[in-house]
C-alpha atoms as a PDB file:
ATOM      1  CA  UNK A   1     122.977-109.816 -88.595  1.00  0.00           C
ATOM      2  CA  UNK A   2     124.767-106.621 -87.716  1.00  0.00           C
ATOM      3  CA  UNK A   3     127.574-106.381 -85.305  1.00  0.00           C
ATOM      4  CA  UNK A   4     125.319-103.944 -82.974  1.00  0.00           C
ATOM      5  CA  UNK A   5     122.417-106.241 -82.958  1.00  0.00           C
ATOM      6  CA  UNK A   6     124.939-109.333 -81.896  1.00  0.00           C
ATOM      7  CA  UNK A   7     126.348-107.035 -79.290  1.00  0.00           C
ATOM      8  CA  UNK A   8     122.838-106.202 -78.093  1.00  0.00           C
ATOM      9  CA  UNK A   9     121.730-109.963 -77.847  1.00  0.00           C
ATOM     10  CA  UNK A  10     124.992-110.823 -75.810  1.00  0.00           C
ATOM     11  CA  UNK A  11     124.505-108.353 -73.543  1.00  0.00           C
ATOM     12  CA  UNK A  12     120.800-109.431 -72.831  1.00  0.00           C
ATOM     13  CA  UNK A  13     121.841-112.813 -72.316  1.00  0.00           C
ATOM     14  CA  UNK A  14     124.322-111.719 -69.942  1.00  0.00           C
ATOM     15  CA  UNK A  15     122.184-109.731 -67.734  1.00  0.00           C
ATOM     16  CA  UNK A  16     119.438-112.617 -67.755  1.00  0.00           C
ATOM     17  CA  UNK A  17     122.045-115.096 -66.261  1.00  0.00           C
ATOM     18  CA  UNK A  18     123.034-112.425 -63.748  1.00  0.00           C
ATOM     19  CA  UNK A  19     119.308-111.718 -62.736  1.00  0.00           C
ATOM     20  CA  UNK A  20     118.754-115.571 -62.481  1.00  0.00           C
ATOM     21  CA  UNK A  21     121.794-115.801 -60.024  1.00  0.00           C
ATOM     22  CA  UNK A  22     120.439-112.990 -57.898  1.00  0.00           C
ATOM     23  CA  UNK A  23     116.755-114.707 -57.628  1.00  0.00           C
ATOM     24  CA  UNK A  24     118.353-118.126 -56.788  1.00  0.00           C
ATOM     25  CA  UNK A  25     120.257-116.056 -53.965  1.00  0.00           C
ATOM     26  CA  UNK A  26     117.501-114.509 -52.815  1.00  0.00           C
ATOM     27  CA  UNK A  27     115.430-117.234 -52.533  1.00  0.00           C
ATOM     28  CA  UNK A  28     117.564-119.104 -50.528  1.00  0.00           C
ATOM     29  CA  UNK A  29     118.079-116.386 -47.774  1.00  0.00           C
ATOM     30  CA  UNK A  30     114.187-116.533 -47.536  1.00  0.00           C
ATOM     31  CA  UNK A  31     113.530-120.201 -47.247  1.00  0.00           C
ATOM     32  CA  UNK A  32     112.489-121.008 -43.615  1.00  0.00           C
ATOM     33  CA  UNK A  33     115.066-123.167 -41.704  1.00  0.00           C
ATOM     34  CA  UNK A  34     113.918-126.620 -41.139  1.00  0.00           C
ATOM     35  CA  UNK A  35     112.940-127.475 -37.521  1.00  0.00           C
ATOM     36  CA  UNK A  36     115.464-129.047 -35.260  1.00  0.00           C
ATOM     37  CA  UNK A  37     114.764-132.390 -34.318  1.00  0.00           C
ATOM     38  CA  UNK A  38     113.349-132.872 -30.714  1.00  0.00           C
ATOM     39  CA  UNK A  39     115.697-134.015 -27.941  1.00  0.00           C
ATOM     40  CA  UNK A  40     113.425-134.564 -25.150  1.00  0.00           C
ATOM     41  CA  UNK A  41     109.768-136.096 -25.110  1.00  0.00           C
ATOM     42  CA  UNK A  42     107.114-133.982 -23.430  1.00  0.00           C
ATOM     43  CA  UNK A  43     104.848-136.501 -21.250  1.00  0.00           C
ATOM     44  CA  UNK A  44     101.149-135.055 -20.732  1.00  0.00           C
ATOM     45  CA  UNK A  45      99.711-135.584 -17.598  1.00  0.00           C
ATOM     46  CA  UNK A  46      95.963-136.038 -17.499  1.00  0.00           C
ATOM     47  CA  UNK A  47      94.110-133.656 -14.650  1.00  0.00           C
ATOM     48  CA  UNK A  48      93.604-135.347 -11.316  1.00  0.00           C
ATOM     49  CA  UNK A  49      90.069-135.809 -10.219  1.00  0.00           C
ATOM     50  CA  UNK A  50      88.755-133.191  -7.628  1.00  0.00           C
ATOM     51  CA  UNK A  51      90.008-134.481  -4.407  1.00  0.00           C
ATOM     52  CA  UNK A  52      87.235-135.919  -1.863  1.00  0.00           C
ATOM     53  CA  UNK A  53      87.430-134.639   1.450  1.00  0.00           C
ATOM     54  CA  UNK A  54      87.249-137.919   3.847  1.00  0.00           C
ATOM     55  CA  UNK A  55      84.898-136.802   6.909  1.00  0.00           C
ATOM     56  CA  UNK A  56      86.673-137.360  10.141  1.00  0.00           C
ATOM     57  CA  UNK A  57      85.147-137.297  13.679  1.00  0.00           C
ATOM     58  CA  UNK A  58      85.262-134.458  15.788  1.00  0.00           C
ATOM     59  CA  UNK A  59      88.762-134.215  17.955  1.00  0.00           C
ATOM     60  CA  UNK A  60      87.373-134.861  21.610  1.00  0.00           C
ATOM     61  CA  UNK A  61      89.240-132.967  24.285  1.00  0.00           C
ATOM     62  CA  UNK A  62      88.050-135.908  26.696  1.00  0.00           C
ATOM     63  CA  UNK A  63      90.941-138.344  27.327  1.00  0.00           C
ATOM     64  CA  UNK A  64      91.035-141.484  25.748  1.00  0.00           C
ATOM     65  CA  UNK A  65      89.015-144.657  27.180  1.00  0.00           C
ATOM     66  CA  UNK A  66      88.394-148.406  27.043  1.00  0.00           C
ATOM     67  CA  UNK A  67      84.976-149.086  25.888  1.00  0.00           C
ATOM     68  CA  UNK A  68      83.219-151.237  27.930  1.00  0.00           C
ATOM     69  CA  UNK A  69      80.759-154.277  27.094  1.00  0.00           C
ATOM     70  CA  UNK A  70      77.600-152.971  25.954  1.00  0.00           C
ATOM     71  CA  UNK A  71      74.617-153.319  28.292  1.00  0.00           C
ATOM     72  CA  UNK A  72      71.084-154.332  27.168  1.00  0.00           C
ATOM     73  CA  UNK A  73      67.646-153.389  28.420  1.00  0.00           C
ATOM     74  CA  UNK A  74      67.643-153.697  32.231  1.00  0.00           C
ATOM     75  CA  UNK A  75      63.914-154.496  32.461  1.00  0.00           C
ATOM     76  CA  UNK A  76      63.741-156.966  29.241  1.00  0.00           C
ATOM     77  CA  UNK A  77      64.050-160.079  31.037  1.00  0.00           C
ATOM     78  CA  UNK A  78      61.810-158.820  33.728  1.00  0.00           C
ATOM     79  CA  UNK A  79      58.957-157.451  31.787  1.00  0.00           C
ATOM     80  CA  UNK A  80      57.799-160.476  29.668  1.00  0.00           C
ATOM     81  CA  UNK A  81      54.403-161.812  29.063  1.00  0.00           C
ATOM     82  CA  UNK A  82      51.475-160.822  31.370  1.00  0.00           C
ATOM     83  CA  UNK A  83      53.268-160.653  34.545  1.00  0.00           C
ATOM     84  CA  UNK A  84      52.595-157.595  36.152  1.00  0.00           C
ATOM     85  CA  UNK A  85      55.626-155.550  37.472  1.00  0.00           C
ATOM     86  CA  UNK A  86      56.524-151.988  38.124  1.00  0.00           C
ATOM     87  CA  UNK A  87      59.957-150.558  38.442  1.00  0.00           C
ATOM     88  CA  UNK A  88      60.631-148.130  41.254  1.00  0.00           C
ATOM     89  CA  UNK A  89      63.677-145.897  41.002  1.00  0.00           C
ATOM     90  CA  UNK A  90      65.483-143.213  43.310  1.00  0.00           C
ATOM     91  CA  UNK A  91      67.767-140.617  41.978  1.00  0.00           C
ATOM     92  CA  UNK A  92      70.359-138.372  43.867  1.00  0.00           C
ATOM     93  CA  UNK A  93      71.490-140.552  46.545  1.00  0.00           C
ATOM     94  CA  UNK A  94      72.811-142.322  48.322  1.00  0.00           C
ATOM     95  CA  UNK A  95      71.614-140.133  51.403  1.00  0.00           C
ATOM     96  CA  UNK A  96      72.490-141.120  55.138  1.00  0.00           C
ATOM     97  CA  UNK A  97      69.024-140.375  56.364  1.00  0.00           C
ATOM     98  CA  UNK A  98      66.359-140.980  53.535  1.00  0.00           C
ATOM     99  CA  UNK A  99      68.164-143.933  51.753  1.00  0.00           C
ATOM    100  CA  UNK A 100      68.073-146.497  54.858  1.00  0.00           C
ATOM    101  CA  UNK A 101      64.320-145.251  55.496  1.00  0.00           C
ATOM    102  CA  UNK A 102      63.250-146.067  51.815  1.00  0.00           C
ATOM    103  CA  UNK A 103      65.262-149.413  52.104  1.00  0.00           C
ATOM    104  CA  UNK A 104      63.322-150.449  55.272  1.00  0.00           C
ATOM    105  CA  UNK A 105      59.829-149.631  53.410  1.00  0.00           C
ATOM    106  CA  UNK A 106      60.979-151.672  50.260  1.00  0.00           C
ATOM    107  CA  UNK A 107      61.850-154.536  52.748  1.00  0.00           C
ATOM    108  CA  UNK A 108      58.644-154.658  54.651  1.00  0.00           C
ATOM    109  CA  UNK A 109      56.689-154.863  51.496  1.00  0.00           C
ATOM    110  CA  UNK A 110      58.824-157.246  49.629  1.00  0.00           C
ATOM    111  CA  UNK A 111      59.850-154.724  46.984  1.00  0.00           C
ATOM    112  CA  UNK A 112      63.238-153.863  45.331  1.00  0.00           C
ATOM    113  CA  UNK A 113      64.285-150.745  43.647  1.00  0.00           C
ATOM    114  CA  UNK A 114      67.167-149.369  41.508  1.00  0.00           C
ATOM    115  CA  UNK A 115      69.025-146.522  43.120  1.00  0.00           C
ATOM    116  CA  UNK A 116      70.557-143.979  40.543  1.00  0.00           C
ATOM    117  CA  UNK A 117      73.381-142.688  42.797  1.00  0.00           C
ATOM    118  CA  UNK A 118      75.830-139.733  42.259  1.00  0.00           C
ATOM    119  CA  UNK A 119      79.582-140.423  42.465  1.00  0.00           C
ATOM    120  CA  UNK A 120      79.792-137.489  44.803  1.00  0.00           C
ATOM    121  CA  UNK A 121      77.172-138.801  47.430  1.00  0.00           C
ATOM    122  CA  UNK A 122      78.959-142.078  47.144  1.00  0.00           C
ATOM    123  CA  UNK A 123      82.032-140.740  48.213  1.00  0.00           C
ATOM    124  CA  UNK A 124      80.660-138.613  50.832  1.00  0.00           C
ATOM    125  CA  UNK A 125      78.698-141.541  52.594  1.00  0.00           C
ATOM    126  CA  UNK A 126      80.657-144.744  52.138  1.00  0.00           C
ATOM    127  CA  UNK A 127      78.964-147.905  53.119  1.00  0.00           C
ATOM    128  CA  UNK A 128      75.612-146.926  51.631  1.00  0.00           C
ATOM    129  CA  UNK A 129      76.028-148.516  48.414  1.00  0.00           C
ATOM    130  CA  UNK A 130      76.869-151.939  50.012  1.00  0.00           C
ATOM    131  CA  UNK A 131      73.671-151.549  52.282  1.00  0.00           C
ATOM    132  CA  UNK A 132      71.691-150.882  48.707  1.00  0.00           C
ATOM    133  CA  UNK A 133      73.029-154.021  47.133  1.00  0.00           C
ATOM    134  CA  UNK A 134      72.938-156.206  50.180  1.00  0.00           C
ATOM    135  CA  UNK A 135      68.960-155.581  50.230  1.00  0.00           C
ATOM    136  CA  UNK A 136      68.793-156.950  46.665  1.00  0.00           C
ATOM    137  CA  UNK A 137      68.449-153.658  45.284  1.00  0.00           C
ATOM    138  CA  UNK A 138      70.491-152.643  42.151  1.00  0.00           C
ATOM    139  CA  UNK A 139      72.474-149.436  41.532  1.00  0.00           C
ATOM    140  CA  UNK A 140      72.399-147.341  38.296  1.00  0.00           C
ATOM    141  CA  UNK A 141      74.801-144.178  37.641  1.00  0.00           C
ATOM    142  CA  UNK A 142      73.453-140.682  37.689  1.00  0.00           C
ATOM    143  CA  UNK A 143      76.724-139.011  36.907  1.00  0.00           C
ATOM    144  CA  UNK A 144      79.328-137.479  39.388  1.00  0.00           C
ATOM    145  CA  UNK A 145      77.859-134.322  40.458  1.00  0.00           C
ATOM    146  CA  UNK A 146      74.314-133.849  38.473  1.00  0.00           C
ATOM    147  CA  UNK A 147      75.264-131.403  35.696  1.00  0.00           C
ATOM    148  CA  UNK A 148      73.053-130.971  32.632  1.00  0.00           C
ATOM    149  CA  UNK A 149      75.183-133.066  30.372  1.00  0.00           C
ATOM    150  CA  UNK A 150      73.952-131.508  27.178  1.00  0.00           C
ATOM    151  CA  UNK A 151      75.250-128.166  28.277  1.00  0.00           C
ATOM    152  CA  UNK A 152      78.730-129.092  29.380  1.00  0.00           C
ATOM    153  CA  UNK A 153      82.047-129.328  27.425  1.00  0.00           C
ATOM    154  CA  UNK A 154      82.773-132.872  25.816  1.00  0.00           C
ATOM    155  CA  UNK A 155      85.514-133.367  28.365  1.00  0.00           C
ATOM    156  CA  UNK A 156      83.133-132.800  31.517  1.00  0.00           C
ATOM    157  CA  UNK A 157      80.361-134.807  29.495  1.00  0.00           C
ATOM    158  CA  UNK A 158      83.073-137.654  29.337  1.00  0.00           C
ATOM    159  CA  UNK A 159      84.205-137.610  32.904  1.00  0.00           C
ATOM    160  CA  UNK A 160      80.682-137.573  34.248  1.00  0.00           C
ATOM    161  CA  UNK A 161      79.653-140.732  32.380  1.00  0.00           C
ATOM    162  CA  UNK A 162      82.843-142.786  32.353  1.00  0.00           C
ATOM    163  CA  UNK A 163      84.037-141.953  35.865  1.00  0.00           C
ATOM    164  CA  UNK A 164      80.633-142.034  37.673  1.00  0.00           C
ATOM    165  CA  UNK A 165      79.273-145.020  39.599  1.00  0.00           C
ATOM    166  CA  UNK A 166      79.946-148.235  38.341  1.00  0.00           C
ATOM    167  CA  UNK A 167      76.861-149.943  36.483  1.00  0.00           C
ATOM    168  CA  UNK A 168      75.517-151.009  33.217  1.00  0.00           C
ATOM    169  CA  UNK A 169      72.446-148.371  33.402  1.00  0.00           C
ATOM    170  CA  UNK A 170      72.746-144.674  33.298  1.00  0.00           C
ATOM    171  CA  UNK A 171      70.279-141.855  34.195  1.00  0.00           C
ATOM    172  CA  UNK A 172      71.160-138.318  32.899  1.00  0.00           C
ATOM    173  CA  UNK A 173      70.419-135.580  35.238  1.00  0.00           C
ATOM    174  CA  UNK A 174      67.301-134.220  34.534  1.00  0.00           C
ATOM    175  CA  UNK A 175      66.786-136.548  31.703  1.00  0.00           C
ATOM    176  CA  UNK A 176      68.573-134.063  29.830  1.00  0.00           C
ATOM    177  CA  UNK A 177      70.008-136.309  26.540  1.00  0.00           C
ATOM    178  CA  UNK A 178      71.151-135.778  22.946  1.00  0.00           C
ATOM    179  CA  UNK A 179      73.197-137.856  20.243  1.00  0.00           C
ATOM    180  CA  UNK A 180      76.514-137.099  22.158  1.00  0.00           C
ATOM    181  CA  UNK A 181      75.391-137.948  25.568  1.00  0.00           C
ATOM    182  CA  UNK A 182      73.983-141.206  24.401  1.00  0.00           C
ATOM    183  CA  UNK A 183      77.146-142.177  22.354  1.00  0.00           C
ATOM    184  CA  UNK A 184      79.333-141.600  25.500  1.00  0.00           C
ATOM    185  CA  UNK A 185      76.783-143.627  27.514  1.00  0.00           C
ATOM    186  CA  UNK A 186      77.102-146.335  25.026  1.00  0.00           C
ATOM    187  CA  UNK A 187      80.785-146.013  24.817  1.00  0.00           C
ATOM    188  CA  UNK A 188      81.035-146.571  28.443  1.00  0.00           C
ATOM    189  CA  UNK A 189      79.099-149.831  28.466  1.00  0.00           C
ATOM    190  CA  UNK A 190      75.594-148.641  29.915  1.00  0.00           C
ATOM    191  CA  UNK A 191      72.102-147.910  28.553  1.00  0.00           C
ATOM    192  CA  UNK A 192      70.338-144.877  28.864  1.00  0.00           C
ATOM    193  CA  UNK A 193      67.237-145.371  31.488  1.00  0.00           C
ATOM    194  CA  UNK A 194      64.697-142.597  31.980  1.00  0.00           C
ATOM    195  CA  UNK A 195      61.338-142.903  33.278  1.00  0.00           C
ATOM    196  CA  UNK A 196      57.585-143.251  32.459  1.00  0.00           C
ATOM    197  CA  UNK A 197      55.843-141.775  35.399  1.00  0.00           C
ATOM    198  CA  UNK A 198      57.221-138.707  37.538  1.00  0.00           C
ATOM    199  CA  UNK A 199      55.111-138.192  40.574  1.00  0.00           C
ATOM    200  CA  UNK A 200      56.961-134.927  41.199  1.00  0.00           C
ATOM    201  CA  UNK A 201      58.193-136.067  44.768  1.00  0.00           C
ATOM    202  CA  UNK A 202      61.103-133.694  44.349  1.00  0.00           C
ATOM    203  CA  UNK A 203      58.581-130.650  44.671  1.00  0.00           C
ATOM    204  CA  UNK A 204      57.155-132.211  47.776  1.00  0.00           C
ATOM    205  CA  UNK A 205      53.418-131.698  46.942  1.00  0.00           C
ATOM    206  CA  UNK A 206      52.130-133.638  49.677  1.00  0.00           C
ATOM    207  CA  UNK A 207      52.035-137.628  50.331  1.00  0.00           C
ATOM    208  CA  UNK A 208      48.434-137.854  48.842  1.00  0.00           C
ATOM    209  CA  UNK A 209      49.339-136.024  45.917  1.00  0.00           C
ATOM    210  CA  UNK A 210      52.517-138.649  45.248  1.00  0.00           C
ATOM    211  CA  UNK A 211      50.402-141.616  45.823  1.00  0.00           C
ATOM    212  CA  UNK A 212      47.447-140.301  43.834  1.00  0.00           C
ATOM    213  CA  UNK A 213      49.898-139.077  40.740  1.00  0.00           C
ATOM    214  CA  UNK A 214      51.200-142.822  40.808  1.00  0.00           C
ATOM    215  CA  UNK A 215      48.246-144.839  40.896  1.00  0.00           C
ATOM    216  CA  UNK A 216      46.704-142.589  38.235  1.00  0.00           C
ATOM    217  CA  UNK A 217      49.646-143.025  35.681  1.00  0.00           C
ATOM    218  CA  UNK A 218      51.516-145.949  36.336  1.00  0.00           C
ATOM    219  CA  UNK A 219      50.907-149.010  34.053  1.00  0.00           C
ATOM    220  CA  UNK A 220      52.507-152.559  33.516  1.00  0.00           C
ATOM    221  CA  UNK A 221      56.116-152.349  32.887  1.00  0.00           C
ATOM    222  CA  UNK A 222      56.534-148.634  33.760  1.00  0.00           C
ATOM    223  CA  UNK A 223      59.461-147.404  35.617  1.00  0.00           C
ATOM    224  CA  UNK A 224      58.473-144.843  38.411  1.00  0.00           C
ATOM    225  CA  UNK A 225      60.906-141.733  39.083  1.00  0.00           C
ATOM    226  CA  UNK A 226      61.380-141.129  42.897  1.00  0.00           C
ATOM    227  CA  UNK A 227      64.006-139.592  44.908  1.00  0.00           C
ATOM    228  CA  UNK A 228      66.182-140.503  48.066  1.00  0.00           C
ATOM    229  CA  UNK A 229      68.472-137.484  47.701  1.00  0.00           C
ATOM    230  CA  UNK A 230      68.395-133.851  47.192  1.00  0.00           C
ATOM    231  CA  UNK A 231      66.644-132.782  50.298  1.00  0.00           C
ATOM    232  CA  UNK A 232      64.023-133.695  52.535  1.00  0.00           C
ATOM    233  CA  UNK A 233      62.189-137.054  51.475  1.00  0.00           C
ATOM    234  CA  UNK A 234      59.960-137.389  54.276  1.00  0.00           C
ATOM    235  CA  UNK A 235      57.043-137.352  51.852  1.00  0.00           C
ATOM    236  CA  UNK A 236      58.550-139.949  49.323  1.00  0.00           C
ATOM    237  CA  UNK A 237      58.924-142.352  52.229  1.00  0.00           C
ATOM    238  CA  UNK A 238      55.585-141.888  53.387  1.00  0.00           C
ATOM    239  CA  UNK A 239      54.069-142.082  50.079  1.00  0.00           C
ATOM    240  CA  UNK A 240      56.109-145.246  49.143  1.00  0.00           C
ATOM    241  CA  UNK A 241      54.585-146.874  52.194  1.00  0.00           C
ATOM    242  CA  UNK A 242      51.303-146.247  51.407  1.00  0.00           C
ATOM    243  CA  UNK A 243      51.392-146.825  47.597  1.00  0.00           C
ATOM    244  CA  UNK A 244      53.050-150.218  47.566  1.00  0.00           C
ATOM    245  CA  UNK A 245      50.446-152.106  49.307  1.00  0.00           C
ATOM    246  CA  UNK A 246      47.701-150.768  47.012  1.00  0.00           C
ATOM    247  CA  UNK A 247      49.581-151.894  43.978  1.00  0.00           C
ATOM    248  CA  UNK A 248      50.521-155.347  45.558  1.00  0.00           C
ATOM    249  CA  UNK A 249      46.784-155.584  45.686  1.00  0.00           C
ATOM    250  CA  UNK A 250      46.305-154.967  41.890  1.00  0.00           C
ATOM    251  CA  UNK A 251      48.546-158.004  41.340  1.00  0.00           C
ATOM    252  CA  UNK A 252      51.883-155.991  40.767  1.00  0.00           C
ATOM    253  CA  UNK A 253      55.261-156.962  41.872  1.00  0.00           C
ATOM    254  CA  UNK A 254      58.529-154.821  42.091  1.00  0.00           C
ATOM    255  CA  UNK A 255      61.726-155.920  41.231  1.00  0.00           C
ATOM    256  CA  UNK A 256      65.128-154.074  40.859  1.00  0.00           C
ATOM    257  CA  UNK A 257      66.246-153.521  37.186  1.00  0.00           C
ATOM    258  CA  UNK A 258      69.130-155.621  35.893  1.00  0.00           C
ATOM    259  CA  UNK A 259      71.810-152.614  36.112  1.00  0.00           C
END
């Protein structure tokens, strides 16, 4: 081997060693660093279910009251079997002129009735309530001032029902009722009492017209609506005096409702 060739080989080997070293260094710089160990553990919370809104009762502006004992049907125990009964009722009193006259007619014919009274009329004419009860009749509430309860505020409705005449029977003025009215009546420990026959005595159509209306439409166990307040009730008194003996001859009796 010549000296030139030997020098060439030695130079090539030296260059190969240098190139290998450079390659190792380059690969070392390009290697990605190892990830550091985690120091905290992340807790994954599963998504909560969609909230369900719990319905709540409407907030009433009426003052709280203690519910009274619920009442029962005021005619149930009196209208059983084949016994013929009719329930006369009188609204809008007590009136110092007409209530005593109606009480007199009822007594003369051995009849009783239920008087749906207004709180304002009771306050204006003290003593008449006791007179009605002493004669063996009963008293229902007709509110305090005779508003249409379906068209007033909740507070007004509550006041008219809870603070009216004490009874277990309530007749809403004009017969105007809805679920809110009935709920307040029930909460006050009363039952709603409407009617089956309206002879329209309040319109003063004449004594004979009132009598004819009652005789034509009244059937066993019916509630008949009449009035002892709210105006001149001379026709009502006269019609009652005529119709009671006619109905009595048909076998009817006339108890007061259990109110």
